[in-house]
Amino acid sequence: MNETRLLRSKEKWRPSLGLIVFAVLAFVAALPLIGLFFFRLYDNQLIRQTETELIALALAMIVTTMIIGLVFFRTITHPMHELIGRAERIGRGDRDAFQPLAHYGTREFAQLSRSFLGMAEQLSRRSDYIATFSAHLTHELKSPLTSIKGAAELLLDSLQDGASPLTRMQQRSFLSNILDDAERLETMTQRLRELARAESAQQHERAELGAVVLGLRSRFPTCTITAAGCLDRMIGMSMEKALIVLSHLADNAVRHNAKTIRLATSSESTLIRMTVRNDGDPISESNRDKIFDAFFTTRRDAGGTGMGLAIVKAVMTSHGGWIRLLPADAGTVFELRFPAA
């Protein structure tokens, strides 16, 4: 499983915006005292100041002002304009704009830039996913809709005057095809609803692993399901979502001739690790990298939608967990990491 990581800026100490403003204001406030000290140095008599000394004082004030302006430009104005430029480049679709800024100035701008660029990169990936998903979905819906339309047109033509009527067997075949394709579309819409629910993580969800295992056994009474480990631990996922994950894995196993499913759990500080092992048909090497892709299935002729494992991955990812396929000598083994409640 490929894990993407957001680009991070180099971690180093940066002054806070409040510290910069405070230092500049303190320095500006100290300027009169500096001038008073300068005049007292010459017995506090302005008339004694030569023209050269007055010019030097004016230049000192000008240089001080320029230094203050340079500090503000370096720490506030320049990072702000660079971040604005990045936003415009991202809006134009420039993928290189996700790189960290060359200079952040203050701690607040560093945090703001990391958050903004991270959010923009996530939205870009999301947009790519939606575009790819829409293309796959259109392709998947086209086949059954074309079949239904063709069968309905043939049935309609047979009812017109002068057309050769279809036999009862042909009519039954066309109607059966329509019902099969309609059932496939209904199954697909159900999977799409599950996927939509899976990608919207809820807050403060929790469920006990033991109760999840009992629910799984009730859904698959013909399959032997064993479980061991920390079944009394609470996971950061609702009972419904956890059953969606394990039910899809169990359903795939049963459909590939599995008779036994073994669950083994172990607890860590912030997560709960679970291995799901079955004795069904193994996954071929050519398909191992594709099984989590939406609409990929080896059972298309048998009504498979290719959405099951994509839904499982979406549920785990949206709740801060993940799933991967492990190598196995026989059967199939998945490793899941649930967030601990």
Protein backbone atom coordinates (compact mmCIF):
# COMPACT_ATOMS: atom_id res chain seq x y z
CA MET A 1 0.00 0.00 0.00
CA ASN A 2 1.41 3.37 -1.02
CA GLU A 3 1.33 5.95 1.76
CA THR A 4 1.50 9.60 0.68
CA ARG A 5 3.15 12.17 2.91
CA LEU A 6 2.66 15.91 2.77
CA LEU A 7 5.71 18.05 2.10
CA ARG A 8 6.98 19.59 5.30
CA SER A 9 9.03 22.74 5.79
CA LYS A 10 12.30 22.50 7.66
CA GLU A 11 11.70 22.62 11.39
CA LYS A 12 13.71 25.41 13.02
CA TRP A 13 13.20 28.15 15.57
CA ARG A 14 11.31 31.18 14.28
CA PRO A 15 10.29 34.26 16.24
CA SER A 16 6.61 34.69 16.82
CA LEU A 17 4.71 37.55 15.22
CA GLY A 18 3.98 38.97 18.66
CA LEU A 19 7.68 38.99 19.52
CA ILE A 20 8.53 40.80 16.28
CA VAL A 21 5.88 43.47 16.84
CA PHE A 22 6.84 43.89 20.49
CA ALA A 23 10.54 44.27 19.65
CA VAL A 24 9.86 46.84 16.94
CA LEU A 25 7.50 48.86 19.14
CA ALA A 26 9.97 48.73 22.01
CA PHE A 27 12.71 49.98 19.75
CA VAL A 28 10.52 52.80 18.40
CA ALA A 29 9.53 53.73 21.94
CA ALA A 30 13.20 53.86 22.89
CA LEU A 31 14.10 56.31 20.11
CA PRO A 32 13.25 59.44 22.18
CA LEU A 33 15.43 58.12 24.99
CA ILE A 34 18.24 57.56 22.53
CA GLY A 35 17.84 61.14 21.28
CA LEU A 36 17.75 62.47 24.86
CA PHE A 37 20.91 60.56 25.65
CA PHE A 38 22.54 62.00 22.52
CA PHE A 39 21.68 65.57 23.48
CA ARG A 40 22.68 65.12 27.12
CA LEU A 41 25.99 63.87 25.88
CA TYR A 42 26.52 67.45 24.69
CA ASP A 43 25.24 69.16 27.84
CA ASN A 44 21.70 69.13 26.52
CA GLN A 45 22.30 72.28 24.48
CA LEU A 46 20.92 71.97 20.99
CA ILE A 47 22.58 75.14 19.93
CA ARG A 48 25.97 73.51 20.34
CA GLN A 49 25.14 70.85 17.76
CA THR A 50 27.08 71.32 14.61
CA GLU A 51 25.52 70.85 11.21
CA THR A 52 27.43 67.59 10.77
CA GLU A 53 26.11 66.22 14.05
CA LEU A 54 22.52 67.08 13.11
CA ILE A 55 22.92 65.41 9.73
CA ALA A 56 24.35 62.35 11.46
CA LEU A 57 21.35 62.24 13.80
CA ALA A 58 18.94 62.50 10.85
CA LEU A 59 20.77 59.76 9.00
CA ALA A 60 20.64 57.59 12.10
CA MET A 61 16.87 58.07 12.27
CA ILE A 62 16.54 57.25 8.56
CA VAL A 63 18.68 54.12 8.87
CA THR A 64 16.72 53.04 11.93
CA THR A 65 13.45 53.45 10.04
CA MET A 66 14.82 51.46 7.11
CA ILE A 67 15.92 48.69 9.43
CA ILE A 68 12.43 48.55 10.94
CA GLY A 69 10.90 48.42 7.45
CA LEU A 70 13.33 45.66 6.43
CA VAL A 71 12.38 43.62 9.50
CA PHE A 72 8.69 43.93 8.68
CA PHE A 73 9.32 43.10 5.01
CA ARG A 74 11.43 40.07 5.91
CA THR A 75 9.13 38.66 8.57
CA ILE A 76 5.64 39.70 7.40
CA THR A 77 5.27 41.28 3.96
CA HIS A 78 7.52 38.97 1.91
CA PRO A 79 6.13 35.66 3.30
CA MET A 80 2.59 36.99 2.88
CA HIS A 81 3.15 37.90 -0.79
CA GLU A 82 4.87 34.57 -1.44
CA LEU A 83 1.93 32.70 0.08
CA ILE A 84 -0.48 34.77 -2.05
CA GLY A 85 1.56 33.85 -5.12
CA ARG A 86 1.41 30.18 -4.19
CA ALA A 87 -2.36 30.39 -3.85
CA GLU A 88 -2.62 31.88 -7.35
CA ARG A 89 -0.33 29.19 -8.80
CA ILE A 90 -2.34 26.42 -7.12
CA GLY A 91 -5.50 27.97 -8.55
CA ARG A 92 -3.95 27.66 -12.02
CA GLY A 93 -3.19 23.98 -11.41
CA ASP A 94 0.58 24.28 -10.84
CA ARG A 95 1.58 21.18 -8.84
CA ASP A 96 5.05 22.60 -8.05
CA ALA A 97 3.35 25.24 -5.88
CA PHE A 98 2.90 22.65 -3.09
CA GLN A 99 6.62 22.90 -2.24
CA PRO A 100 7.41 24.57 1.12
CA LEU A 101 8.12 28.30 1.06
CA ALA A 102 11.74 29.43 0.94
CA HIS A 103 11.25 31.72 3.96
CA TYR A 104 8.44 31.91 6.50
CA GLY A 105 9.45 34.84 8.69
CA THR A 106 7.50 34.15 11.86
CA ARG A 107 6.22 31.05 13.60
CA GLU A 108 2.61 31.95 12.80
CA PHE A 109 3.33 32.28 9.08
CA ALA A 110 5.14 28.92 9.14
CA GLN A 111 2.12 27.25 10.71
CA LEU A 112 -0.30 29.05 8.38
CA SER A 113 1.73 28.11 5.28
CA ARG A 114 2.04 24.45 6.28
CA SER A 115 -1.68 24.24 7.00
CA PHE A 116 -2.65 26.01 3.78
CA LEU A 117 -0.32 24.04 1.49
CA GLY A 118 -1.29 20.78 3.19
CA MET A 119 -4.99 21.53 2.76
CA ALA A 120 -4.46 22.54 -0.87
CA GLU A 121 -2.55 19.33 -1.60
CA GLN A 122 -5.25 17.23 0.03
CA LEU A 123 -7.94 19.01 -2.01
CA SER A 124 -5.92 18.47 -5.18
CA ARG A 125 -5.62 14.76 -4.46
CA ARG A 126 -9.31 14.67 -3.66
CA SER A 127 -10.11 16.35 -6.96
CA ASP A 128 -7.99 13.81 -8.85
CA TYR A 129 -9.71 10.98 -6.99
CA ILE A 130 -13.17 12.32 -7.82
CA ALA A 131 -12.27 12.71 -11.50
CA THR A 132 -10.88 9.17 -11.69
CA PHE A 133 -13.77 7.76 -9.69
CA SER A 134 -16.33 9.50 -11.90
CA ALA A 135 -14.71 8.08 -15.04
CA HIS A 136 -14.76 4.55 -13.57
CA LEU A 137 -18.34 4.96 -12.34
CA THR A 138 -19.52 6.14 -15.75
CA HIS A 139 -17.90 3.12 -17.36
CA GLU A 140 -19.44 0.72 -14.82
CA LEU A 141 -22.93 2.17 -15.20
CA LYS A 142 -22.80 2.22 -18.98
CA SER A 143 -22.75 -1.57 -19.45
CA PRO A 144 -25.92 -2.49 -17.49
CA LEU A 145 -27.79 0.56 -18.78
CA THR A 146 -26.92 -0.34 -22.37
CA SER A 147 -28.04 -3.91 -21.78
CA ILE A 148 -31.35 -2.80 -20.22
CA LYS A 149 -32.01 -0.35 -23.05
CA GLY A 150 -31.24 -2.94 -25.74
CA ALA A 151 -33.46 -5.60 -24.16
CA ALA A 152 -36.32 -3.13 -23.69
CA GLU A 153 -36.07 -1.97 -27.32
CA LEU A 154 -36.21 -5.55 -28.61
CA LEU A 155 -39.25 -6.30 -26.47
CA LEU A 156 -40.93 -3.12 -27.68
CA ASP A 157 -40.18 -3.88 -31.35
CA SER A 158 -41.72 -7.33 -30.99
CA LEU A 159 -45.02 -5.75 -29.98
CA GLN A 160 -45.28 -3.59 -33.09
CA ASP A 161 -47.44 -4.63 -36.05
CA GLY A 162 -45.63 -6.66 -38.69
CA ALA A 163 -42.71 -7.52 -36.42
CA SER A 164 -41.88 -11.12 -35.74
CA PRO A 165 -42.99 -11.88 -32.19
CA LEU A 166 -40.45 -13.17 -29.71
CA THR A 167 -40.86 -16.62 -28.29
CA ARG A 168 -41.68 -17.07 -24.64
CA MET A 169 -38.14 -18.23 -24.00
CA GLN A 170 -36.68 -15.13 -25.69
CA GLN A 171 -38.98 -12.85 -23.74
CA ARG A 172 -38.04 -14.59 -20.51
CA SER A 173 -34.34 -14.24 -21.39
CA PHE A 174 -34.61 -10.51 -22.09
CA LEU A 175 -36.64 -9.87 -18.95
CA SER A 176 -34.16 -11.90 -16.92
CA ASN A 177 -31.30 -9.82 -18.29
CA ILE A 178 -33.15 -6.61 -17.37
CA LEU A 179 -33.73 -7.85 -13.81
CA ASP A 180 -30.10 -8.96 -13.43
CA ASP A 181 -28.77 -5.61 -14.65
CA ALA A 182 -31.23 -3.72 -12.44
CA GLU A 183 -30.07 -5.77 -9.45
CA ARG A 184 -26.46 -4.97 -10.33
CA LEU A 185 -27.29 -1.26 -10.45
CA GLU A 186 -29.09 -1.52 -7.11
CA THR A 187 -26.08 -3.24 -5.56
CA MET A 188 -23.78 -0.59 -6.95
CA THR A 189 -25.87 2.25 -5.55
CA GLN A 190 -25.84 0.53 -2.16
CA ARG A 191 -22.05 0.30 -2.31
CA LEU A 192 -21.83 3.97 -3.28
CA ARG A 193 -23.95 4.91 -0.26
CA GLU A 194 -21.64 2.87 1.95
CA LEU A 195 -18.62 4.59 0.41
CA ALA A 196 -20.15 8.03 1.05
CA ARG A 197 -20.79 7.13 4.70
CA ALA A 198 -17.33 5.62 5.01
CA GLU A 199 -15.54 8.80 3.95
CA SER A 200 -17.38 10.99 6.47
CA ALA A 201 -15.70 10.17 9.77
CA GLN A 202 -17.81 10.85 12.85
CA GLN A 203 -16.42 12.19 16.10
CA HIS A 204 -16.33 10.28 19.39
CA GLU A 205 -17.22 6.91 17.85
CA ARG A 206 -16.34 3.79 19.84
CA ALA A 207 -17.13 0.10 19.82
CA GLU A 208 -15.89 -2.98 21.66
CA LEU A 209 -14.04 -5.51 19.52
CA GLY A 210 -15.79 -8.44 21.19
CA ALA A 211 -19.21 -7.07 20.25
CA VAL A 212 -18.02 -6.47 16.67
CA VAL A 213 -16.88 -10.11 16.40
CA LEU A 214 -20.25 -11.34 17.68
CA GLY A 215 -22.03 -9.22 15.07
CA LEU A 216 -19.76 -10.62 12.36
CA ARG A 217 -20.52 -14.21 13.38
CA SER A 218 -24.25 -13.54 13.22
CA ARG A 219 -23.89 -12.25 9.66
CA PHE A 220 -21.89 -15.28 8.48
CA PRO A 221 -23.30 -18.28 10.38
CA THR A 222 -22.03 -20.83 7.84
CA CYS A 223 -18.40 -19.70 8.21
CA THR A 224 -16.20 -20.60 11.18
CA ILE A 225 -14.94 -17.34 12.70
CA THR A 226 -12.41 -17.46 15.54
CA ALA A 227 -11.01 -14.47 17.42
CA ALA A 228 -8.19 -14.06 19.93
CA GLY A 229 -6.40 -11.21 21.66
CA CYS A 230 -7.59 -8.01 23.28
CA LEU A 231 -11.27 -8.31 22.41
CA ASP A 232 -12.24 -6.16 25.39
CA ARG A 233 -10.53 -3.07 23.93
CA MET A 234 -12.53 -0.17 22.51
CA ILE A 235 -11.77 1.08 19.02
CA GLY A 236 -12.36 4.62 17.72
CA MET A 237 -15.00 3.50 15.23
CA SER A 238 -18.71 2.83 15.44
CA MET A 239 -20.13 -0.68 15.54
CA GLU A 240 -21.68 -0.12 12.10
CA LYS A 241 -18.43 1.03 10.47
CA ALA A 242 -16.39 -1.79 12.03
CA LEU A 243 -18.91 -4.35 10.80
CA ILE A 244 -18.78 -2.83 7.31
CA VAL A 245 -15.01 -3.36 7.28
CA LEU A 246 -15.01 -6.93 8.57
CA SER A 247 -18.16 -7.94 6.66
CA HIS A 248 -16.64 -6.99 3.32
CA LEU A 249 -13.48 -8.94 4.15
CA ALA A 250 -15.54 -11.95 5.26
CA ASP A 251 -17.82 -11.74 2.22
CA ASN A 252 -14.83 -11.70 -0.13
CA ALA A 253 -13.34 -14.67 1.70
CA VAL A 254 -16.55 -16.71 1.53
CA ARG A 255 -17.00 -15.94 -2.16
CA HIS A 256 -13.48 -17.25 -2.75
CA ASN A 257 -14.19 -20.59 -1.05
CA ALA A 258 -13.03 -19.78 2.48
CA LYS A 259 -14.42 -21.97 5.27
CA THR A 260 -12.56 -20.45 8.23
CA ILE A 261 -11.70 -16.86 9.19
CA ARG A 262 -9.27 -16.23 12.05
CA LEU A 263 -8.99 -12.83 13.75
CA ALA A 264 -5.98 -12.03 15.94
CA THR A 265 -5.71 -8.71 17.78
CA SER A 266 -2.94 -7.00 19.70
CA SER A 267 -2.99 -3.69 21.53
CA GLU A 268 -0.61 -0.75 21.31
CA SER A 269 -0.74 2.68 22.88
CA THR A 270 -2.81 4.51 20.27
CA LEU A 271 -3.96 1.73 17.96
CA ILE A 272 -5.19 -1.85 17.87
CA ARG A 273 -3.67 -4.18 15.33
CA MET A 274 -5.79 -6.97 13.82
CA THR A 275 -4.87 -9.66 11.31
CA VAL A 276 -7.70 -11.24 9.32
CA ARG A 277 -6.66 -14.61 7.89
CA ASN A 278 -8.82 -16.94 5.75
CA ASP A 279 -8.24 -20.28 4.05
CA GLY A 280 -9.84 -19.33 0.73
CA ASP A 281 -8.30 -18.92 -2.70
CA PRO A 282 -5.13 -16.78 -2.64
CA ILE A 283 -4.83 -13.49 -4.49
CA SER A 284 -2.64 -13.70 -7.58
CA GLU A 285 0.54 -11.64 -7.74
CA SER A 286 -0.77 -9.64 -10.70
CA ASN A 287 -3.84 -8.52 -8.70
CA ARG A 288 -2.25 -7.74 -5.33
CA ASP A 289 -1.61 -4.09 -6.18
CA LYS A 290 -5.12 -3.56 -7.59
CA ILE A 291 -7.46 -5.02 -4.98
CA PHE A 292 -8.08 -1.69 -3.20
CA ASP A 293 -8.86 0.16 -6.45
CA ALA A 294 -12.51 1.09 -6.91
CA PHE A 295 -14.39 -1.10 -9.43
CA PHE A 296 -11.59 -3.66 -9.72
CA THR A 297 -13.08 -7.16 -9.47
CA THR A 298 -12.38 -10.67 -10.68
CA ARG A 299 -16.06 -11.59 -10.28
CA ARG A 300 -17.71 -9.19 -12.72
CA ASP A 301 -19.62 -12.00 -14.44
CA ALA A 302 -20.93 -13.14 -11.05
CA GLY A 303 -22.19 -9.68 -10.10
CA GLY A 304 -19.12 -8.33 -8.34
CA THR A 305 -18.95 -4.52 -8.20
CA GLY A 306 -15.32 -4.12 -7.14
CA MET A 307 -16.36 -1.68 -4.40
CA GLY A 308 -15.94 -3.82 -1.28
CA LEU A 309 -12.25 -3.35 -0.53
CA ALA A 310 -12.35 0.26 -1.71
CA ILE A 311 -15.03 0.89 0.94
CA VAL A 312 -12.95 -0.93 3.55
CA LYS A 313 -9.92 1.25 2.77
CA ALA A 314 -12.06 4.42 2.85
CA VAL A 315 -13.50 3.54 6.27
CA MET A 316 -10.09 2.80 7.75
CA THR A 317 -8.44 5.90 6.27
CA SER A 318 -11.23 8.30 7.30
CA HIS A 319 -10.92 7.10 10.91
CA GLY A 320 -7.13 7.40 11.09
CA GLY A 321 -6.42 3.70 10.53
CA TRP A 322 -5.25 1.70 7.55
CA ILE A 323 -5.32 -1.72 5.92
CA ARG A 324 -2.78 -3.66 3.89
CA LEU A 325 -2.45 -7.07 2.29
CA LEU A 326 0.22 -9.30 3.84
CA PRO A 327 2.15 -12.06 2.07
CA ALA A 328 0.82 -15.53 2.89
CA ASP A 329 1.80 -19.10 2.03
CA ALA A 330 -1.88 -20.10 1.81
CA GLY A 331 -5.16 -18.23 1.77
CA THR A 332 -5.26 -14.46 2.27
CA VAL A 333 -4.10 -12.30 5.17
CA PHE A 334 -5.00 -8.67 5.79
CA GLU A 335 -3.58 -6.44 8.52
CA LEU A 336 -5.80 -3.70 9.94
CA ARG A 337 -4.89 -0.93 12.36
CA PHE A 338 -7.86 0.51 14.21
CA PRO A 339 -7.49 3.74 16.22
CA ALA A 340 -7.86 3.09 19.91
CA ALA A 341 -10.79 4.88 21.56
